[in-house]
């Protein structure tokens, strides 16, 4: 890759995760409560920051790993976006909860009652993030060509 292609791709990861998380969390809340875009700006900023941080922590290493293992498989970002979103959800849910081992990891109620709904939601966020990232990569590869040496 050229000197600027990889950094541009790594910047696209938190951008795609932030946009995807906002699409699945902020837009439904705004539409159900009748809040305007101006009224939702503080919440929008929080979700953009959280989505970008999770994208940096989970998404960037996952993209580097997937690019190294499956360089020619086209839907790699979409499939592994869903997997990365699930890992990000578990990091967010289990990493910052008080008494996480008892409340989350070893609690059967969490895995039976809470996890299935969140599994679907975060898988959809990951698929949307993977789709956005795939579009960003195509744009980046056209704007900043890879070094073919």
N, C-alpha and C. Protein backbone atom coordinates (compact mmCIF):
# COMPACT_ATOMS: atom_id res chain seq x y z
N UNK A 1 0.85 -1.18 0.00
CA UNK A 1 0.00 0.00 0.00
C UNK A 1 0.89 1.24 0.00
N UNK A 2 0.35 2.31 -0.49
CA UNK A 2 1.10 3.55 -0.46
C UNK A 2 1.19 4.05 0.97
N UNK A 3 1.95 5.07 1.17
CA UNK A 3 2.17 5.58 2.52
C UNK A 3 0.90 6.14 3.15
N UNK A 4 -0.05 6.59 2.35
CA UNK A 4 -1.26 7.22 2.89
C UNK A 4 -2.48 6.32 2.82
N UNK A 5 -2.41 5.22 2.11
CA UNK A 5 -3.58 4.35 1.97
C UNK A 5 -3.95 3.69 3.29
N UNK A 6 -2.98 3.11 3.98
CA UNK A 6 -3.27 2.44 5.25
C UNK A 6 -3.77 3.41 6.33
N UNK A 7 -3.14 4.57 6.53
CA UNK A 7 -3.71 5.50 7.52
C UNK A 7 -5.13 5.97 7.16
N UNK A 8 -5.39 6.16 5.88
CA UNK A 8 -6.74 6.55 5.48
C UNK A 8 -7.74 5.44 5.78
N UNK A 9 -7.34 4.20 5.55
CA UNK A 9 -8.21 3.07 5.87
C UNK A 9 -8.46 2.97 7.38
N UNK A 10 -7.42 3.19 8.17
CA UNK A 10 -7.58 3.11 9.62
C UNK A 10 -8.45 4.24 10.16
N UNK A 11 -8.43 5.40 9.52
CA UNK A 11 -9.33 6.48 9.92
C UNK A 11 -10.77 6.18 9.52
N UNK A 12 -10.95 5.39 8.47
CA UNK A 12 -12.30 5.04 8.02
C UNK A 12 -12.98 4.05 8.96
N UNK A 13 -12.21 3.28 9.72
CA UNK A 13 -12.81 2.30 10.63
C UNK A 13 -13.62 2.99 11.73
N UNK A 14 -13.04 3.90 12.54
CA UNK A 14 -13.87 4.54 13.56
C UNK A 14 -14.98 5.40 12.97
N UNK A 15 -14.74 5.96 11.79
CA UNK A 15 -15.80 6.74 11.15
C UNK A 15 -16.99 5.86 10.80
N UNK A 16 -16.75 4.70 10.24
CA UNK A 16 -17.86 3.82 9.87
C UNK A 16 -18.57 3.25 11.09
N UNK A 17 -17.82 2.91 12.15
CA UNK A 17 -18.47 2.40 13.35
C UNK A 17 -19.28 3.49 14.06
N UNK A 18 -18.78 4.71 14.05
CA UNK A 18 -19.51 5.81 14.69
C UNK A 18 -20.81 6.10 13.95
N UNK A 19 -20.75 6.15 12.64
CA UNK A 19 -21.96 6.44 11.85
C UNK A 19 -22.97 5.31 12.00
N UNK A 20 -22.51 4.06 11.96
CA UNK A 20 -23.43 2.92 12.08
C UNK A 20 -24.08 2.88 13.46
N UNK A 21 -23.33 3.16 14.51
CA UNK A 21 -23.93 3.15 15.84
C UNK A 21 -24.94 4.26 16.01
N UNK A 22 -24.67 5.42 15.43
CA UNK A 22 -25.64 6.52 15.50
C UNK A 22 -26.91 6.18 14.73
N UNK A 23 -26.75 5.53 13.60
CA UNK A 23 -27.93 5.18 12.81
C UNK A 23 -28.85 4.23 13.56
N UNK A 24 -28.29 3.32 14.36
CA UNK A 24 -29.11 2.34 15.06
C UNK A 24 -29.55 2.78 16.44
N UNK A 25 -28.92 3.80 17.03
CA UNK A 25 -29.31 4.23 18.36
C UNK A 25 -30.00 5.59 18.36
N UNK A 26 -29.43 6.57 17.70
CA UNK A 26 -29.93 7.94 17.81
C UNK A 26 -31.15 8.18 16.93
N UNK A 27 -31.14 7.71 15.71
CA UNK A 27 -32.26 7.98 14.80
C UNK A 27 -33.57 7.38 15.32
N UNK A 28 -33.60 6.12 15.81
CA UNK A 28 -34.87 5.62 16.37
C UNK A 28 -35.34 6.39 17.59
N UNK A 29 -34.42 6.82 18.43
CA UNK A 29 -34.80 7.59 19.61
C UNK A 29 -35.37 8.94 19.20
N UNK A 30 -34.73 9.58 18.21
CA UNK A 30 -35.22 10.87 17.73
C UNK A 30 -36.61 10.74 17.12
N UNK A 31 -36.83 9.72 16.34
CA UNK A 31 -38.13 9.57 15.69
C UNK A 31 -39.23 9.21 16.67
N UNK A 32 -38.92 8.42 17.70
CA UNK A 32 -39.96 8.04 18.65
C UNK A 32 -40.29 9.15 19.63
N UNK A 33 -39.32 9.99 19.96
CA UNK A 33 -39.58 11.06 20.92
C UNK A 33 -39.93 12.39 20.26
N UNK A 34 -39.81 12.47 18.95
CA UNK A 34 -40.11 13.70 18.24
C UNK A 34 -39.06 14.78 18.43
N UNK A 35 -37.85 14.38 18.77
CA UNK A 35 -36.76 15.33 18.98
C UNK A 35 -36.20 15.78 17.64
N UNK A 36 -35.86 17.06 17.56
CA UNK A 36 -35.24 17.57 16.34
C UNK A 36 -33.75 17.22 16.34
N UNK A 37 -33.11 17.43 15.21
CA UNK A 37 -31.68 17.16 15.09
C UNK A 37 -30.90 18.07 16.04
N UNK A 38 -31.34 19.32 16.15
CA UNK A 38 -30.65 20.26 17.03
C UNK A 38 -30.75 19.82 18.50
N UNK A 39 -31.88 19.26 18.90
CA UNK A 39 -32.05 18.80 20.27
C UNK A 39 -31.28 17.53 20.56
N UNK A 40 -30.95 16.78 19.53
CA UNK A 40 -30.24 15.51 19.72
C UNK A 40 -28.74 15.63 19.56
N UNK A 41 -28.20 16.82 19.33
CA UNK A 41 -26.77 16.98 19.11
C UNK A 41 -25.91 16.49 20.28
N UNK A 42 -26.26 16.77 21.56
CA UNK A 42 -25.41 16.25 22.64
C UNK A 42 -25.39 14.72 22.67
N UNK A 43 -26.53 14.09 22.47
CA UNK A 43 -26.59 12.63 22.46
C UNK A 43 -25.88 12.08 21.23
N UNK A 44 -26.01 12.77 20.11
CA UNK A 44 -25.35 12.35 18.88
C UNK A 44 -23.84 12.34 19.07
N UNK A 45 -23.32 13.37 19.70
CA UNK A 45 -21.87 13.44 19.95
C UNK A 45 -21.39 12.32 20.84
N UNK A 46 -22.16 11.98 21.86
CA UNK A 46 -21.77 10.89 22.76
C UNK A 46 -21.71 9.57 22.00
N UNK A 47 -22.74 9.30 21.19
CA UNK A 47 -22.74 8.04 20.44
C UNK A 47 -21.66 8.01 19.36
N UNK A 48 -21.36 9.14 18.76
CA UNK A 48 -20.27 9.18 17.79
C UNK A 48 -18.93 8.88 18.46
N UNK A 49 -18.71 9.43 19.64
CA UNK A 49 -17.46 9.20 20.36
C UNK A 49 -17.35 7.75 20.81
N UNK A 50 -18.42 7.20 21.38
CA UNK A 50 -18.39 5.81 21.84
C UNK A 50 -18.18 4.86 20.65
N UNK A 51 -18.89 5.11 19.55
CA UNK A 51 -18.73 4.26 18.37
C UNK A 51 -17.33 4.33 17.79
N UNK A 52 -16.76 5.53 17.79
CA UNK A 52 -15.40 5.68 17.26
C UNK A 52 -14.37 4.99 18.16
N UNK A 53 -14.55 5.08 19.47
CA UNK A 53 -13.61 4.43 20.39
C UNK A 53 -13.68 2.92 20.26
N UNK A 54 -14.88 2.37 20.18
CA UNK A 54 -15.02 0.92 19.99
C UNK A 54 -14.43 0.52 18.64
N UNK A 55 -14.60 1.36 17.62
CA UNK A 55 -14.00 1.09 16.32
C UNK A 55 -12.48 1.07 16.38
N UNK A 56 -11.91 1.97 17.17
CA UNK A 56 -10.45 1.98 17.33
C UNK A 56 -9.95 0.76 18.10
N UNK A 57 -10.65 0.41 19.17
CA UNK A 57 -10.20 -0.69 20.03
C UNK A 57 -10.39 -2.04 19.35
N UNK A 58 -11.54 -2.26 18.75
CA UNK A 58 -11.86 -3.57 18.19
C UNK A 58 -11.70 -3.58 16.67
N UNK A 59 -12.17 -2.53 16.00
CA UNK A 59 -12.23 -2.55 14.54
C UNK A 59 -10.90 -2.47 13.83
N UNK A 60 -10.03 -1.59 14.26
CA UNK A 60 -8.73 -1.44 13.57
C UNK A 60 -7.89 -2.70 13.62
N UNK A 61 -7.71 -3.34 14.78
CA UNK A 61 -6.96 -4.61 14.76
C UNK A 61 -7.66 -5.69 13.95
N UNK A 62 -8.99 -5.71 14.00
CA UNK A 62 -9.73 -6.72 13.24
C UNK A 62 -9.57 -6.50 11.73
N UNK A 63 -9.59 -5.25 11.28
CA UNK A 63 -9.39 -4.97 9.86
C UNK A 63 -7.99 -5.39 9.41
N UNK A 64 -6.98 -5.10 10.21
CA UNK A 64 -5.62 -5.52 9.86
C UNK A 64 -5.52 -7.05 9.80
N UNK A 65 -6.15 -7.73 10.74
CA UNK A 65 -6.13 -9.18 10.76
C UNK A 65 -6.87 -9.77 9.55
N UNK A 66 -8.04 -9.25 9.27
CA UNK A 66 -8.85 -9.76 8.16
C UNK A 66 -8.19 -9.47 6.82
N UNK A 67 -7.58 -8.31 6.67
CA UNK A 67 -6.87 -8.00 5.43
C UNK A 67 -5.68 -8.93 5.22
N UNK A 68 -5.03 -9.34 6.30
CA UNK A 68 -3.91 -10.25 6.19
C UNK A 68 -4.31 -11.68 5.89
N UNK A 69 -5.43 -12.13 6.47
CA UNK A 69 -5.84 -13.53 6.30
C UNK A 69 -6.68 -13.73 5.04
N UNK A 70 -7.62 -12.84 4.78
CA UNK A 70 -8.53 -12.97 3.65
C UNK A 70 -8.39 -11.78 2.69
N UNK A 71 -7.26 -11.62 2.02
CA UNK A 71 -7.06 -10.41 1.21
C UNK A 71 -7.96 -10.33 -0.03
N UNK A 72 -8.44 -11.44 -0.53
CA UNK A 72 -9.23 -11.41 -1.77
C UNK A 72 -10.71 -11.71 -1.56
N UNK A 73 -11.13 -11.97 -0.35
CA UNK A 73 -12.53 -12.30 -0.09
C UNK A 73 -13.33 -11.01 0.01
N UNK A 74 -14.25 -10.81 -0.90
CA UNK A 74 -14.95 -9.52 -0.99
C UNK A 74 -15.81 -9.15 0.22
N UNK A 75 -16.64 -10.05 0.74
CA UNK A 75 -17.51 -9.62 1.86
C UNK A 75 -16.84 -9.68 3.23
N UNK A 76 -15.51 -9.64 3.27
CA UNK A 76 -14.80 -9.82 4.55
C UNK A 76 -15.13 -8.73 5.56
N UNK A 77 -15.28 -7.50 5.12
CA UNK A 77 -15.55 -6.42 6.06
C UNK A 77 -16.97 -6.49 6.61
N UNK A 78 -17.89 -6.98 5.82
CA UNK A 78 -19.28 -7.08 6.25
C UNK A 78 -19.43 -8.20 7.28
N UNK A 79 -18.89 -9.38 6.96
CA UNK A 79 -18.99 -10.53 7.86
C UNK A 79 -18.24 -10.27 9.16
N UNK A 80 -17.01 -9.80 9.04
CA UNK A 80 -16.23 -9.58 10.25
C UNK A 80 -16.63 -8.29 10.96
N UNK A 81 -17.35 -7.40 10.28
CA UNK A 81 -17.93 -6.25 10.97
C UNK A 81 -18.95 -6.69 11.99
N UNK A 82 -19.77 -7.67 11.62
CA UNK A 82 -20.75 -8.20 12.57
C UNK A 82 -20.05 -8.87 13.75
N UNK A 83 -19.01 -9.65 13.46
CA UNK A 83 -18.25 -10.30 14.54
C UNK A 83 -17.57 -9.26 15.43
N UNK A 84 -17.00 -8.24 14.83
CA UNK A 84 -16.35 -7.19 15.60
C UNK A 84 -17.32 -6.41 16.46
N UNK A 85 -18.53 -6.18 15.95
CA UNK A 85 -19.53 -5.48 16.75
C UNK A 85 -19.95 -6.30 17.96
N UNK A 86 -20.03 -7.61 17.80
CA UNK A 86 -20.37 -8.46 18.94
C UNK A 86 -19.25 -8.45 19.99
N UNK A 87 -18.02 -8.48 19.54
CA UNK A 87 -16.89 -8.38 20.47
C UNK A 87 -16.89 -7.02 21.16
N UNK A 88 -17.15 -5.96 20.40
CA UNK A 88 -17.23 -4.63 20.98
C UNK A 88 -18.33 -4.50 22.00
N UNK A 89 -19.48 -5.13 21.72
CA UNK A 89 -20.59 -5.11 22.67
C UNK A 89 -20.19 -5.81 23.96
N UNK A 90 -19.55 -6.98 23.85
CA UNK A 90 -19.15 -7.70 25.05
C UNK A 90 -18.08 -6.94 25.83
N UNK A 91 -17.19 -6.25 25.14
CA UNK A 91 -16.19 -5.43 25.82
C UNK A 91 -16.87 -4.27 26.54
N UNK A 92 -17.81 -3.63 25.86
CA UNK A 92 -18.51 -2.48 26.45
C UNK A 92 -19.40 -2.92 27.61
N UNK A 93 -20.13 -4.01 27.42
CA UNK A 93 -21.06 -4.48 28.44
C UNK A 93 -20.32 -5.10 29.63
N UNK A 94 -19.35 -5.94 29.35
CA UNK A 94 -18.68 -6.66 30.42
C UNK A 94 -17.46 -5.98 30.98
N UNK A 95 -16.92 -5.04 30.25
CA UNK A 95 -15.70 -4.40 30.71
C UNK A 95 -15.93 -3.27 31.70
N UNK A 96 -17.10 -2.67 31.66
CA UNK A 96 -17.33 -1.49 32.50
C UNK A 96 -18.45 -1.69 33.52
N UNK A 97 -19.04 -2.87 33.55
CA UNK A 97 -20.11 -3.12 34.52
C UNK A 97 -19.51 -3.44 35.88
N UNK A 98 -20.18 -2.97 36.91
CA UNK A 98 -19.75 -3.26 38.27
C UNK A 98 -20.07 -4.72 38.59
N UNK A 99 -19.12 -5.46 39.04
CA UNK A 99 -19.33 -6.88 39.33
C UNK A 99 -19.67 -7.66 38.07
N UNK A 100 -18.92 -7.43 37.02
CA UNK A 100 -19.26 -7.99 35.71
C UNK A 100 -19.26 -9.51 35.70
N UNK A 101 -18.39 -10.12 36.47
CA UNK A 101 -18.33 -11.58 36.42
C UNK A 101 -19.65 -12.18 36.91
N UNK A 102 -20.19 -11.68 38.01
CA UNK A 102 -21.45 -12.21 38.53
C UNK A 102 -22.64 -11.70 37.74
N UNK A 103 -22.60 -10.43 37.35
CA UNK A 103 -23.76 -9.82 36.69
C UNK A 103 -23.90 -10.23 35.23
N UNK A 104 -22.81 -10.52 34.55
CA UNK A 104 -22.89 -10.76 33.11
C UNK A 104 -22.35 -12.13 32.73
N UNK A 105 -21.06 -12.36 32.94
CA UNK A 105 -20.42 -13.52 32.35
C UNK A 105 -20.93 -14.84 32.90
N UNK A 106 -21.23 -14.91 34.20
CA UNK A 106 -21.68 -16.18 34.77
C UNK A 106 -23.18 -16.18 35.07
N UNK A 107 -23.90 -15.20 34.63
CA UNK A 107 -25.33 -15.11 34.91
C UNK A 107 -26.13 -15.70 33.75
N UNK A 108 -26.84 -16.80 33.96
CA UNK A 108 -27.62 -17.38 32.85
C UNK A 108 -28.77 -16.48 32.41
N UNK A 109 -29.30 -15.67 33.31
CA UNK A 109 -30.39 -14.76 32.92
C UNK A 109 -29.92 -13.76 31.85
N UNK A 110 -28.68 -13.29 31.99
CA UNK A 110 -28.14 -12.37 30.99
C UNK A 110 -28.09 -13.05 29.63
N UNK A 111 -27.57 -14.27 29.57
CA UNK A 111 -27.38 -14.95 28.29
C UNK A 111 -28.69 -15.42 27.68
N UNK A 112 -29.72 -15.65 28.50
CA UNK A 112 -31.01 -16.13 27.97
C UNK A 112 -31.95 -14.97 27.67
N UNK A 113 -32.00 -13.98 28.55
CA UNK A 113 -32.97 -12.88 28.40
C UNK A 113 -32.41 -11.68 27.63
N UNK A 114 -31.22 -11.24 28.00
CA UNK A 114 -30.69 -10.00 27.43
C UNK A 114 -29.89 -10.20 26.15
N UNK A 115 -29.07 -11.21 26.12
CA UNK A 115 -28.13 -11.39 25.01
C UNK A 115 -28.78 -11.59 23.64
N UNK A 116 -29.84 -12.39 23.51
CA UNK A 116 -30.38 -12.59 22.15
C UNK A 116 -30.83 -11.30 21.45
N UNK A 117 -31.46 -10.40 22.19
CA UNK A 117 -31.89 -9.14 21.57
C UNK A 117 -30.70 -8.27 21.19
N UNK A 118 -29.76 -8.20 22.07
CA UNK A 118 -28.57 -7.39 21.79
C UNK A 118 -27.71 -8.03 20.70
N UNK A 119 -27.71 -9.34 20.62
CA UNK A 119 -26.97 -10.03 19.59
C UNK A 119 -27.46 -9.62 18.20
N UNK A 120 -28.75 -9.56 18.02
CA UNK A 120 -29.31 -9.14 16.73
C UNK A 120 -29.00 -7.68 16.46
N UNK A 121 -29.21 -6.81 17.45
CA UNK A 121 -28.96 -5.38 17.27
C UNK A 121 -27.51 -5.10 16.91
N UNK A 122 -26.59 -5.66 17.67
CA UNK A 122 -25.18 -5.38 17.42
C UNK A 122 -24.68 -6.06 16.15
N UNK A 123 -25.26 -7.18 15.77
CA UNK A 123 -24.91 -7.78 14.48
C UNK A 123 -25.32 -6.87 13.34
N UNK A 124 -26.50 -6.27 13.45
CA UNK A 124 -26.94 -5.32 12.42
C UNK A 124 -26.05 -4.08 12.37
N UNK A 125 -25.64 -3.60 13.52
CA UNK A 125 -24.71 -2.46 13.56
C UNK A 125 -23.40 -2.84 12.88
N UNK A 126 -22.91 -4.04 13.15
CA UNK A 126 -21.66 -4.49 12.54
C UNK A 126 -21.78 -4.66 11.03
N UNK A 127 -22.91 -5.18 10.57
CA UNK A 127 -23.11 -5.31 9.13
C UNK A 127 -23.16 -3.93 8.47
N UNK A 128 -23.86 -2.98 9.09
CA UNK A 128 -23.91 -1.62 8.55
C UNK A 128 -22.53 -0.98 8.56
N UNK A 129 -21.79 -1.19 9.63
CA UNK A 129 -20.44 -0.66 9.70
C UNK A 129 -19.55 -1.28 8.63
N UNK A 130 -19.68 -2.57 8.41
CA UNK A 130 -18.91 -3.24 7.37
C UNK A 130 -19.27 -2.74 5.98
N UNK A 131 -20.55 -2.49 5.74
CA UNK A 131 -20.96 -1.93 4.45
C UNK A 131 -20.39 -0.54 4.24
N UNK A 132 -20.47 0.29 5.26
CA UNK A 132 -19.90 1.63 5.17
C UNK A 132 -18.39 1.58 4.96
N UNK A 133 -17.72 0.70 5.69
CA UNK A 133 -16.27 0.60 5.55
C UNK A 133 -15.89 0.09 4.16
N UNK A 134 -16.65 -0.85 3.61
CA UNK A 134 -16.39 -1.33 2.26
C UNK A 134 -16.50 -0.19 1.25
N UNK A 135 -17.50 0.66 1.41
CA UNK A 135 -17.65 1.82 0.52
C UNK A 135 -16.48 2.79 0.70
N UNK A 136 -16.09 3.03 1.95
CA UNK A 136 -14.95 3.93 2.21
C UNK A 136 -13.67 3.38 1.59
N UNK A 137 -13.45 2.06 1.68
CA UNK A 137 -12.24 1.46 1.14
C UNK A 137 -12.20 1.59 -0.37
N UNK A 138 -13.33 1.40 -1.01
CA UNK A 138 -13.37 1.56 -2.47
C UNK A 138 -13.04 3.01 -2.86
N UNK A 139 -13.57 3.96 -2.11
CA UNK A 139 -13.27 5.36 -2.38
C UNK A 139 -11.79 5.67 -2.11
N UNK A 140 -11.27 5.16 -1.00
CA UNK A 140 -9.87 5.40 -0.64
C UNK A 140 -8.94 4.79 -1.68
N UNK A 141 -9.25 3.57 -2.13
CA UNK A 141 -8.39 2.92 -3.12
C UNK A 141 -8.38 3.67 -4.46
N UNK A 142 -9.47 4.34 -4.77
CA UNK A 142 -9.49 5.16 -5.99
C UNK A 142 -8.75 6.48 -5.79
N UNK A 143 -8.93 7.08 -4.64
CA UNK A 143 -8.31 8.38 -4.38
C UNK A 143 -6.81 8.25 -4.06
N UNK A 144 -6.46 7.23 -3.32
CA UNK A 144 -5.06 6.99 -2.92
C UNK A 144 -4.71 5.57 -3.36
N UNK A 145 -4.19 5.40 -4.56
CA UNK A 145 -3.92 4.04 -5.06
C UNK A 145 -2.90 3.31 -4.19
N UNK A 146 -3.07 1.99 -4.16
CA UNK A 146 -2.11 1.15 -3.45
C UNK A 146 -0.81 1.09 -4.22
N UNK A 147 0.25 0.92 -3.50
CA UNK A 147 1.57 0.74 -4.13
C UNK A 147 1.65 -0.69 -4.61
N UNK A 148 1.90 -0.91 -5.88
CA UNK A 148 1.89 -2.25 -6.47
C UNK A 148 3.25 -2.93 -6.44
N UNK A 149 4.25 -2.31 -5.86
CA UNK A 149 5.57 -2.92 -5.80
C UNK A 149 5.63 -4.06 -4.86
